[in-house]
């Protein structure tokens, strides 16, 4: 039954031009931060974005957003990994 509910919700979202973004953050976002992030994601995907926020204490800071197959990594962990990769490549 939960799979049917999710499938129906996805159909309704698609019909209304919406997508859902699963957002992981280290701390809870304020309403202003949620609005700003939703606007940025909307600009990236061209559809209205509904944020589904989860807290991940393993993140050092920032956020990781999954919108369909798109992953936007604005986390401190991701930035450190990219910096490490650049340093290794020289």
PDB file of N, CA and C in Angstrom:
ATOM      1  N   UNK A   1       0.803  -1.205   0.000  1.00  0.00           N
ATOM      2  CA  UNK A   1       0.000   0.000   0.000  1.00  0.00           C
ATOM      3  C   UNK A   1       0.851   1.278   0.000  1.00  0.00           C
ATOM      4  N   UNK A   2       1.937   1.351   0.790  1.00  0.00           N
ATOM      5  CA  UNK A   2       2.755   2.574   0.753  1.00  0.00           C
ATOM      6  C   UNK A   2       3.318   2.869  -0.639  1.00  0.00           C
ATOM      7  N   UNK A   3       3.659   1.828  -1.385  1.00  0.00           N
ATOM      8  CA  UNK A   3       4.176   2.034  -2.740  1.00  0.00           C
ATOM      9  C   UNK A   3       3.100   2.628  -3.642  1.00  0.00           C
ATOM     10  N   UNK A   4       1.856   2.203  -3.452  1.00  0.00           N
ATOM     11  CA  UNK A   4       0.758   2.746  -4.255  1.00  0.00           C
ATOM     12  C   UNK A   4       0.520   4.214  -3.920  1.00  0.00           C
ATOM     13  N   UNK A   5       0.611   4.551  -2.643  1.00  0.00           N
ATOM     14  CA  UNK A   5       0.428   5.941  -2.221  1.00  0.00           C
ATOM     15  C   UNK A   5       1.522   6.813  -2.824  1.00  0.00           C
ATOM     16  N   UNK A   6       2.756   6.321  -2.781  1.00  0.00           N
ATOM     17  CA  UNK A   6       3.879   7.071  -3.352  1.00  0.00           C
ATOM     18  C   UNK A   6       3.713   7.237  -4.858  1.00  0.00           C
ATOM     19  N   UNK A   7       3.306   6.177  -5.541  1.00  0.00           N
ATOM     20  CA  UNK A   7       3.112   6.249  -6.990  1.00  0.00           C
ATOM     21  C   UNK A   7       2.009   7.250  -7.338  1.00  0.00           C
ATOM     22  N   UNK A   8       0.924   7.230  -6.581  1.00  0.00           N
ATOM     23  CA  UNK A   8      -0.172   8.174  -6.823  1.00  0.00           C
ATOM     24  C   UNK A   8       0.296   9.606  -6.573  1.00  0.00           C
ATOM     25  N   UNK A   9       1.021   9.820  -5.481  1.00  0.00           N
ATOM     26  CA  UNK A   9       1.548  11.150  -5.161  1.00  0.00           C
ATOM     27  C   UNK A   9       2.457  11.647  -6.283  1.00  0.00           C
ATOM     28  N   UNK A  10       3.297  10.759  -6.810  1.00  0.00           N
ATOM     29  CA  UNK A  10       4.194  11.136  -7.899  1.00  0.00           C
ATOM     30  C   UNK A  10       3.421  11.510  -9.160  1.00  0.00           C
ATOM     31  N   UNK A  11       2.333  10.794  -9.442  1.00  0.00           N
ATOM     32  CA  UNK A  11       1.498  11.123 -10.603  1.00  0.00           C
ATOM     33  C   UNK A  11       0.841  12.489 -10.435  1.00  0.00           C
ATOM     34  N   UNK A  12       0.334  12.751  -9.249  1.00  0.00           N
ATOM     35  CA  UNK A  12      -0.287  14.054  -8.975  1.00  0.00           C
ATOM     36  C   UNK A  12       0.752  15.161  -9.099  1.00  0.00           C
ATOM     37  N   UNK A  13       1.935  14.943  -8.527  1.00  0.00           N
ATOM     38  CA  UNK A  13       3.006  15.939  -8.623  1.00  0.00           C
ATOM     39  C   UNK A  13       3.369  16.209 -10.081  1.00  0.00           C
ATOM     40  N   UNK A  14       3.500  15.157 -10.871  1.00  0.00           N
ATOM     41  CA  UNK A  14       3.859  15.321 -12.284  1.00  0.00           C
ATOM     42  C   UNK A  14       2.781  16.110 -13.023  1.00  0.00           C
ATOM     43  N   UNK A  15       1.529  15.815 -12.743  1.00  0.00           N
ATOM     44  CA  UNK A  15       0.418  16.516 -13.390  1.00  0.00           C
ATOM     45  C   UNK A  15       0.421  18.004 -13.036  1.00  0.00           C
ATOM     46  N   UNK A  16       0.819  18.316 -11.811  1.00  0.00           N
ATOM     47  CA  UNK A  16       0.836  19.702 -11.347  1.00  0.00           C
ATOM     48  C   UNK A  16       2.179  20.398 -11.584  1.00  0.00           C
ATOM     49  N   UNK A  17       3.119  19.695 -12.229  1.00  0.00           N
ATOM     50  CA  UNK A  17       4.416  20.300 -12.529  1.00  0.00           C
ATOM     51  C   UNK A  17       5.312  20.461 -11.321  1.00  0.00           C
ATOM     52  N   UNK A  18       5.183  19.524 -10.382  1.00  0.00           N
ATOM     53  CA  UNK A  18       5.988  19.581  -9.161  1.00  0.00           C
ATOM     54  C   UNK A  18       6.940  18.400  -9.098  1.00  0.00           C
ATOM     55  N   UNK A  19       8.036  18.597  -8.372  1.00  0.00           N
ATOM     56  CA  UNK A  19       8.947  17.500  -8.051  1.00  0.00           C
ATOM     57  C   UNK A  19       9.256  17.582  -6.562  1.00  0.00           C
ATOM     58  N   UNK A  20       9.655  16.471  -6.012  1.00  0.00           N
ATOM     59  CA  UNK A  20      10.032  16.435  -4.594  1.00  0.00           C
ATOM     60  C   UNK A  20      11.540  16.312  -4.493  1.00  0.00           C
ATOM     61  N   UNK A  21      12.098  17.065  -3.574  1.00  0.00           N
ATOM     62  CA  UNK A  21      13.537  17.036  -3.335  1.00  0.00           C
ATOM     63  C   UNK A  21      13.785  16.487  -1.939  1.00  0.00           C
ATOM     64  N   UNK A  22      14.544  15.399  -1.868  1.00  0.00           N
ATOM     65  CA  UNK A  22      14.952  14.866  -0.578  1.00  0.00           C
ATOM     66  C   UNK A  22      16.235  15.597  -0.199  1.00  0.00           C
ATOM     67  N   UNK A  23      16.182  16.348   0.878  1.00  0.00           N
ATOM     68  CA  UNK A  23      17.301  17.189   1.296  1.00  0.00           C
ATOM     69  C   UNK A  23      17.814  16.705   2.646  1.00  0.00           C
ATOM     70  N   UNK A  24      19.117  16.386   2.681  1.00  0.00           N
ATOM     71  CA  UNK A  24      19.768  16.011   3.940  1.00  0.00           C
ATOM     72  C   UNK A  24      20.564  17.208   4.440  1.00  0.00           C
ATOM     73  N   UNK A  25      20.387  17.542   5.701  1.00  0.00           N
ATOM     74  CA  UNK A  25      21.111  18.653   6.309  1.00  0.00           C
ATOM     75  C   UNK A  25      21.662  18.213   7.662  1.00  0.00           C
ATOM     76  N   UNK A  26      22.699  18.913   8.116  1.00  0.00           N
ATOM     77  CA  UNK A  26      23.268  18.579   9.422  1.00  0.00           C
ATOM     78  C   UNK A  26      22.424  19.158  10.553  1.00  0.00           C
ATOM     79  N   UNK A  27      21.778  20.286  10.293  1.00  0.00           N
ATOM     80  CA  UNK A  27      20.885  20.913  11.265  1.00  0.00           C
ATOM     81  C   UNK A  27      19.604  21.309  10.543  1.00  0.00           C
ATOM     82  N   UNK A  28      18.563  21.527  11.299  1.00  0.00           N
ATOM     83  CA  UNK A  28      17.284  21.910  10.705  1.00  0.00           C
ATOM     84  C   UNK A  28      17.394  23.281  10.039  1.00  0.00           C
ATOM     85  N   UNK A  29      16.828  23.396   8.843  1.00  0.00           N
ATOM     86  CA  UNK A  29      16.842  24.665   8.122  1.00  0.00           C
ATOM     87  C   UNK A  29      15.742  25.583   8.645  1.00  0.00           C
ATOM     88  N   UNK A  30      16.014  26.876   8.621  1.00  0.00           N
ATOM     89  CA  UNK A  30      14.980  27.854   8.965  1.00  0.00           C
ATOM     90  C   UNK A  30      14.005  27.947   7.797  1.00  0.00           C
ATOM     91  N   UNK A  31      12.869  28.569   8.015  1.00  0.00           N
ATOM     92  CA  UNK A  31      11.898  28.749   6.936  1.00  0.00           C
ATOM     93  C   UNK A  31      12.509  29.541   5.784  1.00  0.00           C
ATOM     94  N   UNK A  32      13.299  30.558   6.108  1.00  0.00           N
ATOM     95  CA  UNK A  32      13.954  31.358   5.074  1.00  0.00           C
ATOM     96  C   UNK A  32      14.942  30.547   4.261  1.00  0.00           C
ATOM     97  N   UNK A  33      15.715  29.689   4.931  1.00  0.00           N
ATOM     98  CA  UNK A  33      16.682  28.833   4.234  1.00  0.00           C
ATOM     99  C   UNK A  33      15.968  27.820   3.349  1.00  0.00           C
ATOM    100  N   UNK A  34      14.859  27.267   3.849  1.00  0.00           N
ATOM    101  CA  UNK A  34      14.077  26.318   3.049  1.00  0.00           C
ATOM    102  C   UNK A  34      13.545  26.995   1.791  1.00  0.00           C
ATOM    103  N   UNK A  35      13.026  28.196   1.941  1.00  0.00           N
ATOM    104  CA  UNK A  35      12.489  28.938   0.804  1.00  0.00           C
ATOM    105  C   UNK A  35      13.581  29.241  -0.215  1.00  0.00           C
ATOM    106  N   UNK A  36      14.736  29.691   0.270  1.00  0.00           N
ATOM    107  CA  UNK A  36      15.853  30.009  -0.619  1.00  0.00           C
ATOM    108  C   UNK A  36      16.336  28.759  -1.355  1.00  0.00           C
ATOM    109  N   UNK A  37      16.459  27.638  -0.647  1.00  0.00           N
ATOM    110  CA  UNK A  37      16.904  26.397  -1.269  1.00  0.00           C
ATOM    111  C   UNK A  37      15.879  25.913  -2.288  1.00  0.00           C
ATOM    112  N   UNK A  38      14.596  25.975  -1.944  1.00  0.00           N
ATOM    113  CA  UNK A  38      13.546  25.560  -2.881  1.00  0.00           C
ATOM    114  C   UNK A  38      13.592  26.406  -4.149  1.00  0.00           C
ATOM    115  N   UNK A  39      13.818  27.707  -4.016  1.00  0.00           N
ATOM    116  CA  UNK A  39      13.911  28.584  -5.189  1.00  0.00           C
ATOM    117  C   UNK A  39      15.108  28.232  -6.059  1.00  0.00           C
ATOM    118  N   UNK A  40      16.243  27.933  -5.438  1.00  0.00           N
ATOM    119  CA  UNK A  40      17.440  27.554  -6.212  1.00  0.00           C
ATOM    120  C   UNK A  40      17.229  26.234  -6.944  1.00  0.00           C
ATOM    121  N   UNK A  41      16.629  25.275  -6.249  1.00  0.00           N
ATOM    122  CA  UNK A  41      16.363  23.987  -6.885  1.00  0.00           C
ATOM    123  C   UNK A  41      15.346  24.139  -8.006  1.00  0.00           C
ATOM    124  N   UNK A  42      14.348  24.990  -7.798  1.00  0.00           N
ATOM    125  CA  UNK A  42      13.345  25.237  -8.833  1.00  0.00           C
ATOM    126  C   UNK A  42      14.004  25.807 -10.080  1.00  0.00           C
ATOM    127  N   UNK A  43      14.950  26.725  -9.905  1.00  0.00           N
ATOM    128  CA  UNK A  43      15.665  27.300 -11.047  1.00  0.00           C
ATOM    129  C   UNK A  43      16.479  26.228 -11.767  1.00  0.00           C
ATOM    130  N   UNK A  44      17.010  25.263 -11.020  1.00  0.00           N
ATOM    131  CA  UNK A  44      17.832  24.210 -11.620  1.00  0.00           C
ATOM    132  C   UNK A  44      17.003  23.197 -12.404  1.00  0.00           C
ATOM    133  N   UNK A  45      15.804  22.865 -11.906  1.00  0.00           N
ATOM    134  CA  UNK A  45      15.005  21.819 -12.548  1.00  0.00           C
ATOM    135  C   UNK A  45      13.838  22.349 -13.361  1.00  0.00           C
ATOM    136  N   UNK A  46      13.489  23.619 -13.196  1.00  0.00           N
ATOM    137  CA  UNK A  46      12.411  24.208 -13.975  1.00  0.00           C
ATOM    138  C   UNK A  46      11.017  23.788 -13.555  1.00  0.00           C
ATOM    139  N   UNK A  47      10.876  23.291 -12.341  1.00  0.00           N
ATOM    140  CA  UNK A  47       9.571  22.886 -11.816  1.00  0.00           C
ATOM    141  C   UNK A  47       9.465  23.337 -10.369  1.00  0.00           C
ATOM    142  N   UNK A  48       8.227  23.407  -9.884  1.00  0.00           N
ATOM    143  CA  UNK A  48       8.026  23.717  -8.468  1.00  0.00           C
ATOM    144  C   UNK A  48       8.625  22.587  -7.638  1.00  0.00           C
ATOM    145  N   UNK A  49       9.345  22.941  -6.584  1.00  0.00           N
ATOM    146  CA  UNK A  49      10.030  21.950  -5.754  1.00  0.00           C
ATOM    147  C   UNK A  49       9.397  21.903  -4.365  1.00  0.00           C
ATOM    148  N   UNK A  50       9.107  20.687  -3.923  1.00  0.00           N
ATOM    149  CA  UNK A  50       8.624  20.454  -2.568  1.00  0.00           C
ATOM    150  C   UNK A  50       9.771  19.808  -1.798  1.00  0.00           C
ATOM    151  N   UNK A  51      10.233  20.473  -0.744  1.00  0.00           N
ATOM    152  CA  UNK A  51      11.353  19.955   0.039  1.00  0.00           C
ATOM    153  C   UNK A  51      10.880  18.918   1.046  1.00  0.00           C
ATOM    154  N   UNK A  52      11.632  17.825   1.122  1.00  0.00           N
ATOM    155  CA  UNK A  52      11.427  16.811   2.155  1.00  0.00           C
ATOM    156  C   UNK A  52      12.752  16.711   2.897  1.00  0.00           C
ATOM    157  N   UNK A  53      12.827  17.372   4.037  1.00  0.00           N
ATOM    158  CA  UNK A  53      14.085  17.521   4.769  1.00  0.00           C
ATOM    159  C   UNK A  53      14.283  16.399   5.778  1.00  0.00           C
ATOM    160  N   UNK A  54      15.505  15.870   5.820  1.00  0.00           N
ATOM    161  CA  UNK A  54      15.892  14.929   6.868  1.00  0.00           C
ATOM    162  C   UNK A  54      17.206  15.406   7.465  1.00  0.00           C
ATOM    163  N   UNK A  55      17.365  15.157   8.731  1.00  0.00           N
ATOM    164  CA  UNK A  55      18.586  15.540   9.426  1.00  0.00           C
ATOM    165  C   UNK A  55      19.584  14.395   9.340  1.00  0.00           C
ATOM    166  N   UNK A  56      20.840  14.737   9.052  1.00  0.00           N
ATOM    167  CA  UNK A  56      21.918  13.755   8.985  1.00  0.00           C
ATOM    168  C   UNK A  56      23.073  14.275   9.833  1.00  0.00           C
ATOM    169  N   UNK A  57      23.198  13.788  11.063  1.00  0.00           N
ATOM    170  CA  UNK A  57      24.252  14.289  11.941  1.00  0.00           C
ATOM    171  C   UNK A  57      25.656  13.968  11.437  1.00  0.00           C
ATOM    172  N   UNK A  58      25.774  13.084  10.452  1.00  0.00           N
ATOM    173  CA  UNK A  58      27.088  12.754   9.895  1.00  0.00           C
ATOM    174  C   UNK A  58      27.606  13.831   8.954  1.00  0.00           C
ATOM    175  N   UNK A  59      26.719  14.699   8.451  1.00  0.00           N
ATOM    176  CA  UNK A  59      27.170  15.802   7.600  1.00  0.00           C
ATOM    177  C   UNK A  59      27.839  16.854   8.470  1.00  0.00           C
ATOM    178  N   UNK A  60      28.968  17.374   7.997  1.00  0.00           N
ATOM    179  CA  UNK A  60      29.668  18.420   8.745  1.00  0.00           C
ATOM    180  C   UNK A  60      28.952  19.756   8.628  1.00  0.00           C
ATOM    181  N   UNK A  61      28.256  19.979   7.527  1.00  0.00           N
ATOM    182  CA  UNK A  61      27.538  21.225   7.288  1.00  0.00           C
ATOM    183  C   UNK A  61      27.006  21.236   5.876  1.00  0.00           C
ATOM    184  N   UNK A  62      26.121  22.165   5.585  1.00  0.00           N
ATOM    185  CA  UNK A  62      25.559  22.277   4.245  1.00  0.00           C
ATOM    186  C   UNK A  62      24.409  21.315   4.027  1.00  0.00           C
ATOM    187  N   UNK A  63      24.223  20.914   2.762  1.00  0.00           N
ATOM    188  CA  UNK A  63      23.102  20.045   2.410  1.00  0.00           C
ATOM    189  C   UNK A  63      23.464  19.171   1.217  1.00  0.00           C
ATOM    190  N   UNK A  64      22.714  18.091   1.063  1.00  0.00           N
ATOM    191  CA  UNK A  64      22.757  17.257  -0.134  1.00  0.00           C
ATOM    192  C   UNK A  64      21.309  17.085  -0.565  1.00  0.00           C
ATOM    193  N   UNK A  65      20.998  17.473  -1.807  1.00  0.00           N
ATOM    194  CA  UNK A  65      19.629  17.396  -2.310  1.00  0.00           C
ATOM    195  C   UNK A  65      19.547  16.407  -3.465  1.00  0.00           C
ATOM    196  N   UNK A  66      18.543  15.553  -3.429  1.00  0.00           N
ATOM    197  CA  UNK A  66      18.250  14.605  -4.509  1.00  0.00           C
ATOM    198  C   UNK A  66      16.919  15.011  -5.120  1.00  0.00           C
ATOM    199  N   UNK A  67      16.942  15.351  -6.401  1.00  0.00           N
ATOM    200  CA  UNK A  67      15.724  15.692  -7.132  1.00  0.00           C
ATOM    201  C   UNK A  67      15.692  14.760  -8.334  1.00  0.00           C
ATOM    202  N   UNK A  68      14.903  13.694  -8.229  1.00  0.00           N
ATOM    203  CA  UNK A  68      14.922  12.693  -9.287  1.00  0.00           C
ATOM    204  C   UNK A  68      16.319  12.097  -9.375  1.00  0.00           C
ATOM    205  N   UNK A  69      16.914  12.138 -10.574  1.00  0.00           N
ATOM    206  CA  UNK A  69      18.266  11.604 -10.751  1.00  0.00           C
ATOM    207  C   UNK A  69      19.343  12.664 -10.535  1.00  0.00           C
ATOM    208  N   UNK A  70      18.941  13.894 -10.265  1.00  0.00           N
ATOM    209  CA  UNK A  70      19.881  14.995 -10.043  1.00  0.00           C
ATOM    210  C   UNK A  70      20.291  15.041  -8.573  1.00  0.00           C
ATOM    211  N   UNK A  71      21.605  15.123  -8.341  1.00  0.00           N
ATOM    212  CA  UNK A  71      22.127  15.252  -6.984  1.00  0.00           C
ATOM    213  C   UNK A  71      22.903  16.552  -6.903  1.00  0.00           C
ATOM    214  N   UNK A  72      22.510  17.403  -5.964  1.00  0.00           N
ATOM    215  CA  UNK A  72      23.212  18.663  -5.733  1.00  0.00           C
ATOM    216  C   UNK A  72      23.877  18.578  -4.370  1.00  0.00           C
ATOM    217  N   UNK A  73      25.205  18.591  -4.366  1.00  0.00           N
ATOM    218  CA  UNK A  73      25.956  18.436  -3.128  1.00  0.00           C
ATOM    219  C   UNK A  73      26.523  19.775  -2.699  1.00  0.00           C
ATOM    220  N   UNK A  74      25.869  20.406  -1.752  1.00  0.00           N
ATOM    221  CA  UNK A  74      26.347  21.659  -1.193  1.00  0.00           C
ATOM    222  C   UNK A  74      26.852  21.453   0.221  1.00  0.00           C
ATOM    223  N   UNK A  75      27.323  20.236   0.495  1.00  0.00           N
ATOM    224  CA  UNK A  75      27.777  19.921   1.847  1.00  0.00           C
ATOM    225  C   UNK A  75      29.258  20.230   2.015  1.00  0.00           C
ATOM    226  N   UNK A  76      29.649  20.456   3.243  1.00  0.00           N
ATOM    227  CA  UNK A  76      31.058  20.660   3.549  1.00  0.00           C
ATOM    228  C   UNK A  76      31.841  19.393   3.233  1.00  0.00           C
ATOM    229  N   UNK A  77      31.237  18.240   3.494  1.00  0.00           N
ATOM    230  CA  UNK A  77      31.880  16.967   3.175  1.00  0.00           C
ATOM    231  C   UNK A  77      32.190  16.885   1.683  1.00  0.00           C
ATOM    232  N   UNK A  78      31.222  17.267   0.858  1.00  0.00           N
ATOM    233  CA  UNK A  78      31.407  17.232  -0.593  1.00  0.00           C
ATOM    234  C   UNK A  78      32.473  18.205  -1.049  1.00  0.00           C
ATOM    235  N   UNK A  79      32.494  19.392  -0.459  1.00  0.00           N
ATOM    236  CA  UNK A  79      33.506  20.385  -0.825  1.00  0.00           C
ATOM    237  C   UNK A  79      34.900  19.897  -0.461  1.00  0.00           C
ATOM    238  N   UNK A  80      35.043  19.278   0.706  1.00  0.00           N
ATOM    239  CA  UNK A  80      36.341  18.741   1.109  1.00  0.00           C
ATOM    240  C   UNK A  80      36.775  17.606   0.189  1.00  0.00           C
ATOM    241  N   UNK A  81      35.839  16.761  -0.219  1.00  0.00           N
ATOM    242  CA  UNK A  81      36.164  15.660  -1.135  1.00  0.00           C
ATOM    243  C   UNK A  81      36.619  16.200  -2.484  1.00  0.00           C
ATOM    244  N   UNK A  82      35.946  17.246  -2.992  1.00  0.00           N
ATOM    245  CA  UNK A  82      36.354  17.831  -4.277  1.00  0.00           C
ATOM    246  C   UNK A  82      37.717  18.501  -4.163  1.00  0.00           C
ATOM    247  N   UNK A  83      37.993  19.158  -3.043  1.00  0.00           N
ATOM    248  CA  UNK A  83      39.294  19.781  -2.821  1.00  0.00           C
ATOM    249  C   UNK A  83      40.379  18.719  -2.755  1.00  0.00           C
ATOM    250  N   UNK A  84      40.125  17.635  -2.039  1.00  0.00           N
ATOM    251  CA  UNK A  84      41.073  16.529  -1.935  1.00  0.00           C
ATOM    252  C   UNK A  84      41.379  15.971  -3.324  1.00  0.00           C
ATOM    253  N   UNK A  85      40.338  15.811  -4.142  1.00  0.00           N
ATOM    254  CA  UNK A  85      40.510  15.279  -5.495  1.00  0.00           C
ATOM    255  C   UNK A  85      41.374  16.208  -6.341  1.00  0.00           C
ATOM    256  N   UNK A  86      41.151  17.519  -6.236  1.00  0.00           N
ATOM    257  CA  UNK A  86      41.958  18.487  -6.991  1.00  0.00           C
ATOM    258  C   UNK A  86      43.419  18.455  -6.555  1.00  0.00           C
ATOM    259  N   UNK A  87      43.647  18.328  -5.254  1.00  0.00           N
ATOM    260  CA  UNK A  87      45.019  18.288  -4.751  1.00  0.00           C
ATOM    261  C   UNK A  87      45.746  17.032  -5.214  1.00  0.00           C
ATOM    262  N   UNK A  88      45.040  15.921  -5.268  1.00  0.00           N
ATOM    263  CA  UNK A  88      45.646  14.669  -5.729  1.00  0.00           C
ATOM    264  C   UNK A  88      46.012  14.767  -7.205  1.00  0.00           C
ATOM    265  N   UNK A  89      45.135  15.399  -8.004  1.00  0.00           N
ATOM    266  CA  UNK A  89      45.395  15.546  -9.442  1.00  0.00           C
ATOM    267  C   UNK A  89      46.505  16.550  -9.717  1.00  0.00           C
ATOM    268  N   UNK A  90      46.715  17.460  -8.772  1.00  0.00           N
ATOM    269  CA  UNK A  90      47.795  18.439  -8.920  1.00  0.00           C
ATOM    270  C   UNK A  90      47.386  19.562  -9.763  1.00  0.00           C
TER     271      UNK A  90
END
